[in-house]
Amino acid sequence: MKILVADDSRVSRNLLRSILEELDFEVLVAENGLEAWNIFQREEISLLISDWEMPEMDGLELCRRVRTAAAASRPGYTYIMMVTALDGMKNFVTGMAAGADDFIVKPFEPEVLRCRVRVAQRVLAMQHELRTFAAALPFCGACDMIQSDAGSTQRLHEFVGSRPELKQVLGTCPACAAKA
């Protein structure tokens, strides 16, 4: 997983990088929001950890741009964690409204960051699974039919029956599980 850390404090950047590299992540760093935005546009970033108060572009604007760009053209989801010295409910709500998925107040315990990164990994894994499932299932919500190839349709149960990898994702109902 590629992580981008945006923080104007060298001490904070180095601390975050150290914790994340210890967990075997590829970490890119930016000294301000504009530099982070430029990196984001070039790289596939799974997790963005951003300070709020930075020169050039603050973390809120960076967050908004990432959400707008991601919605328009990115194949995967970018999980955004705001790590800031700004505390209080008003700041929390403002950060989340800008598009952050998580909000950590500085100073923080390194173990808290590690736990929150594991949560981000779980969310990103579920997003990937959902995208994979949606791509493999050309389903029409209007007629409940699957278009398996050009002009050919079949019922959902027939389509899933021919794709064992989808059966694993969908699971089994209790009645079918009892029959097995």
Foldseek 3Di string as FASTA:
>chain_A
DEEEEEALDPVVQVVVVVLVVVVVHHYHYHNFLVRSLVVVVVDPHQEYEYEADGPPHGPLVSLLVCVVCCVPDNPFDHAYEYEYQDDDPVVVVSSVVSPHPYYHHPPDDSVVVVVVVVVSVVVRVVRVVVSVLCVLFQADPVPQWTDPDVPDIDHPVVSCVVPVVVCVVVDDDPVVVVVD
